[in-house]
């Protein structure tokens, strides 16, 4: 298991496994968004894909500016966050991935 937070530039980062395929146009949209005034960080998540002008599946941090077009485009796009009682030192990413893949909707 490695660190999946990958700097692509001083401002642009990607959080994704090396095995994950991400469209080049989505990465290009990250770089384009990073050029907006006041943009400090642009982070592509594992579900990153191109949107209409701006990437979907990304997080943005800007200072002194608010960009409404960047908010809400990826609501319900498939990312989730779970809190577990698994201790960090006992964490096995491959085993957890297999267990999560076997879950069904309740």
C-alpha atoms as a PDB file:
ATOM      1  CA  UNK A   1       0.000   0.000   0.000  1.00  0.00           C
ATOM      2  CA  UNK A   2       1.390   3.377  -0.957  1.00  0.00           C
ATOM      3  CA  UNK A   3       0.601   7.034  -0.647  1.00  0.00           C
ATOM      4  CA  UNK A   4      -1.976   7.860  -3.293  1.00  0.00           C
ATOM      5  CA  UNK A   5      -1.721  11.638  -2.847  1.00  0.00           C
ATOM      6  CA  UNK A   6       0.318  12.654  -5.857  1.00  0.00           C
ATOM      7  CA  UNK A   7       1.457  16.232  -6.561  1.00  0.00           C
ATOM      8  CA  UNK A   8       1.047  17.095 -10.243  1.00  0.00           C
ATOM      9  CA  UNK A   9       2.268  20.681  -9.720  1.00  0.00           C
ATOM     10  CA  UNK A  10       2.639  23.148  -6.835  1.00  0.00           C
ATOM     11  CA  UNK A  11      -1.144  23.636  -6.797  1.00  0.00           C
ATOM     12  CA  UNK A  12      -2.625  20.528  -8.464  1.00  0.00           C
ATOM     13  CA  UNK A  13      -2.822  17.153  -6.711  1.00  0.00           C
ATOM     14  CA  UNK A  14      -4.388  13.796  -7.463  1.00  0.00           C
ATOM     15  CA  UNK A  15      -5.691  11.253  -4.970  1.00  0.00           C
ATOM     16  CA  UNK A  16      -5.866   7.985  -6.879  1.00  0.00           C
ATOM     17  CA  UNK A  17      -4.266   4.575  -7.143  1.00  0.00           C
ATOM     18  CA  UNK A  18      -1.690   3.944  -9.854  1.00  0.00           C
ATOM     19  CA  UNK A  19      -4.114   1.358 -11.269  1.00  0.00           C
ATOM     20  CA  UNK A  20      -6.903   3.906 -11.769  1.00  0.00           C
ATOM     21  CA  UNK A  21      -7.451   5.261 -15.277  1.00  0.00           C
ATOM     22  CA  UNK A  22      -8.386   8.955 -15.359  1.00  0.00           C
ATOM     23  CA  UNK A  23      -9.246  10.815 -18.556  1.00  0.00           C
ATOM     24  CA  UNK A  24      -6.554  13.237 -19.725  1.00  0.00           C
ATOM     25  CA  UNK A  25      -9.188  15.930 -20.300  1.00  0.00           C
ATOM     26  CA  UNK A  26     -10.135  15.776 -16.600  1.00  0.00           C
ATOM     27  CA  UNK A  27      -6.495  16.280 -15.593  1.00  0.00           C
ATOM     28  CA  UNK A  28      -6.271  19.196 -18.039  1.00  0.00           C
ATOM     29  CA  UNK A  29      -9.367  20.726 -16.411  1.00  0.00           C
ATOM     30  CA  UNK A  30      -7.592  20.508 -13.034  1.00  0.00           C
ATOM     31  CA  UNK A  31      -4.703  22.556 -14.442  1.00  0.00           C
ATOM     32  CA  UNK A  32      -7.089  25.052 -16.057  1.00  0.00           C
ATOM     33  CA  UNK A  33      -9.008  25.494 -12.801  1.00  0.00           C
ATOM     34  CA  UNK A  34      -5.729  25.982 -10.913  1.00  0.00           C
ATOM     35  CA  UNK A  35      -5.136  29.143 -12.994  1.00  0.00           C
ATOM     36  CA  UNK A  36      -8.241  30.878 -11.580  1.00  0.00           C
ATOM     37  CA  UNK A  37      -7.455  33.944  -9.453  1.00  0.00           C
ATOM     38  CA  UNK A  38      -6.865  33.048  -5.807  1.00  0.00           C
ATOM     39  CA  UNK A  39      -6.774  29.286  -6.374  1.00  0.00           C
ATOM     40  CA  UNK A  40      -4.439  27.695  -3.814  1.00  0.00           C
ATOM     41  CA  UNK A  41      -5.159  23.955  -4.200  1.00  0.00           C
ATOM     42  CA  UNK A  42      -6.961  21.811  -6.766  1.00  0.00           C
ATOM     43  CA  UNK A  43      -7.325  18.132  -5.895  1.00  0.00           C
ATOM     44  CA  UNK A  44      -8.642  15.427  -8.190  1.00  0.00           C
ATOM     45  CA  UNK A  45     -10.361  12.590  -6.325  1.00  0.00           C
ATOM     46  CA  UNK A  46     -10.580   8.934  -7.466  1.00  0.00           C
ATOM     47  CA  UNK A  47     -13.856   9.624  -9.307  1.00  0.00           C
ATOM     48  CA  UNK A  48     -12.387  12.540 -11.303  1.00  0.00           C
ATOM     49  CA  UNK A  49     -13.893  13.008 -14.752  1.00  0.00           C
ATOM     50  CA  UNK A  50     -14.355  15.937 -17.138  1.00  0.00           C
ATOM     51  CA  UNK A  51     -17.249  18.310 -16.697  1.00  0.00           C
ATOM     52  CA  UNK A  52     -18.520  21.304 -18.644  1.00  0.00           C
ATOM     53  CA  UNK A  53     -15.469  23.497 -18.291  1.00  0.00           C
ATOM     54  CA  UNK A  54     -14.496  22.368 -14.795  1.00  0.00           C
ATOM     55  CA  UNK A  55     -13.647  18.902 -13.495  1.00  0.00           C
ATOM     56  CA  UNK A  56     -16.156  16.771 -11.616  1.00  0.00           C
ATOM     57  CA  UNK A  57     -14.897  14.763  -8.678  1.00  0.00           C
ATOM     58  CA  UNK A  58     -12.489  17.400  -7.418  1.00  0.00           C
ATOM     59  CA  UNK A  59     -12.020  19.652  -4.404  1.00  0.00           C
ATOM     60  CA  UNK A  60     -10.885  23.271  -4.578  1.00  0.00           C
ATOM     61  CA  UNK A  61      -9.418  25.772  -2.131  1.00  0.00           C
ATOM     62  CA  UNK A  62      -9.268  29.424  -3.104  1.00  0.00           C
ATOM     63  CA  UNK A  63      -8.425  32.529  -1.132  1.00  0.00           C
ATOM     64  CA  UNK A  64     -10.318  35.772  -1.584  1.00  0.00           C
ATOM     65  CA  UNK A  65     -12.608  34.346  -4.273  1.00  0.00           C
ATOM     66  CA  UNK A  66     -15.654  32.108  -4.350  1.00  0.00           C
ATOM     67  CA  UNK A  67     -16.428  30.233  -7.554  1.00  0.00           C
ATOM     68  CA  UNK A  68     -20.079  29.067  -7.597  1.00  0.00           C
ATOM     69  CA  UNK A  69     -19.492  27.077 -10.805  1.00  0.00           C
ATOM     70  CA  UNK A  70     -17.152  24.776  -8.866  1.00  0.00           C
ATOM     71  CA  UNK A  71     -19.699  23.905  -6.167  1.00  0.00           C
ATOM     72  CA  UNK A  72     -22.165  21.046  -6.385  1.00  0.00           C
ATOM     73  CA  UNK A  73     -21.309  19.663  -9.812  1.00  0.00           C
ATOM     74  CA  UNK A  74     -20.437  16.254  -8.443  1.00  0.00           C
ATOM     75  CA  UNK A  75     -23.140  15.712  -5.828  1.00  0.00           C
ATOM     76  CA  UNK A  76     -24.025  12.033  -5.734  1.00  0.00           C
ATOM     77  CA  UNK A  77     -21.247  11.125  -8.126  1.00  0.00           C
ATOM     78  CA  UNK A  78     -20.190   7.956  -6.358  1.00  0.00           C
ATOM     79  CA  UNK A  79     -17.682   8.951  -3.686  1.00  0.00           C
ATOM     80  CA  UNK A  80     -18.346   7.916  -0.111  1.00  0.00           C
ATOM     81  CA  UNK A  81     -16.658   8.194   3.261  1.00  0.00           C
ATOM     82  CA  UNK A  82     -17.059   5.656   6.035  1.00  0.00           C
ATOM     83  CA  UNK A  83     -15.826   5.800   9.585  1.00  0.00           C
ATOM     84  CA  UNK A  84     -14.766   2.439  11.003  1.00  0.00           C
ATOM     85  CA  UNK A  85     -13.220   1.131  14.175  1.00  0.00           C
ATOM     86  CA  UNK A  86     -10.272  -0.339  12.231  1.00  0.00           C
ATOM     87  CA  UNK A  87      -6.970   0.705  13.763  1.00  0.00           C
ATOM     88  CA  UNK A  88      -4.530   2.294  11.339  1.00  0.00           C
ATOM     89  CA  UNK A  89      -1.814  -0.228  12.133  1.00  0.00           C
ATOM     90  CA  UNK A  90      -4.205  -3.110  11.360  1.00  0.00           C
ATOM     91  CA  UNK A  91      -5.475  -1.608   8.113  1.00  0.00           C
ATOM     92  CA  UNK A  92      -5.152  -3.832   5.030  1.00  0.00           C
ATOM     93  CA  UNK A  93      -6.303  -1.948   1.918  1.00  0.00           C
ATOM     94  CA  UNK A  94      -6.666  -5.042  -0.284  1.00  0.00           C
ATOM     95  CA  UNK A  95      -8.758  -6.924   2.282  1.00  0.00           C
ATOM     96  CA  UNK A  96     -10.948  -3.874   2.931  1.00  0.00           C
ATOM     97  CA  UNK A  97     -11.482  -3.335  -0.804  1.00  0.00           C
ATOM     98  CA  UNK A  98     -12.685  -6.938  -1.216  1.00  0.00           C
ATOM     99  CA  UNK A  99     -15.056  -6.635   1.743  1.00  0.00           C
ATOM    100  CA  UNK A 100     -16.506  -3.342   0.494  1.00  0.00           C
ATOM    101  CA  UNK A 101     -16.940  -4.746  -3.021  1.00  0.00           C
ATOM    102  CA  UNK A 102     -19.148  -7.490  -1.620  1.00  0.00           C
ATOM    103  CA  UNK A 103     -21.585  -5.037   0.000  1.00  0.00           C
ATOM    104  CA  UNK A 104     -25.047  -4.635  -1.477  1.00  0.00           C
ATOM    105  CA  UNK A 105     -27.578  -1.830  -1.127  1.00  0.00           C
ATOM    106  CA  UNK A 106     -29.684  -2.043   2.005  1.00  0.00           C
END
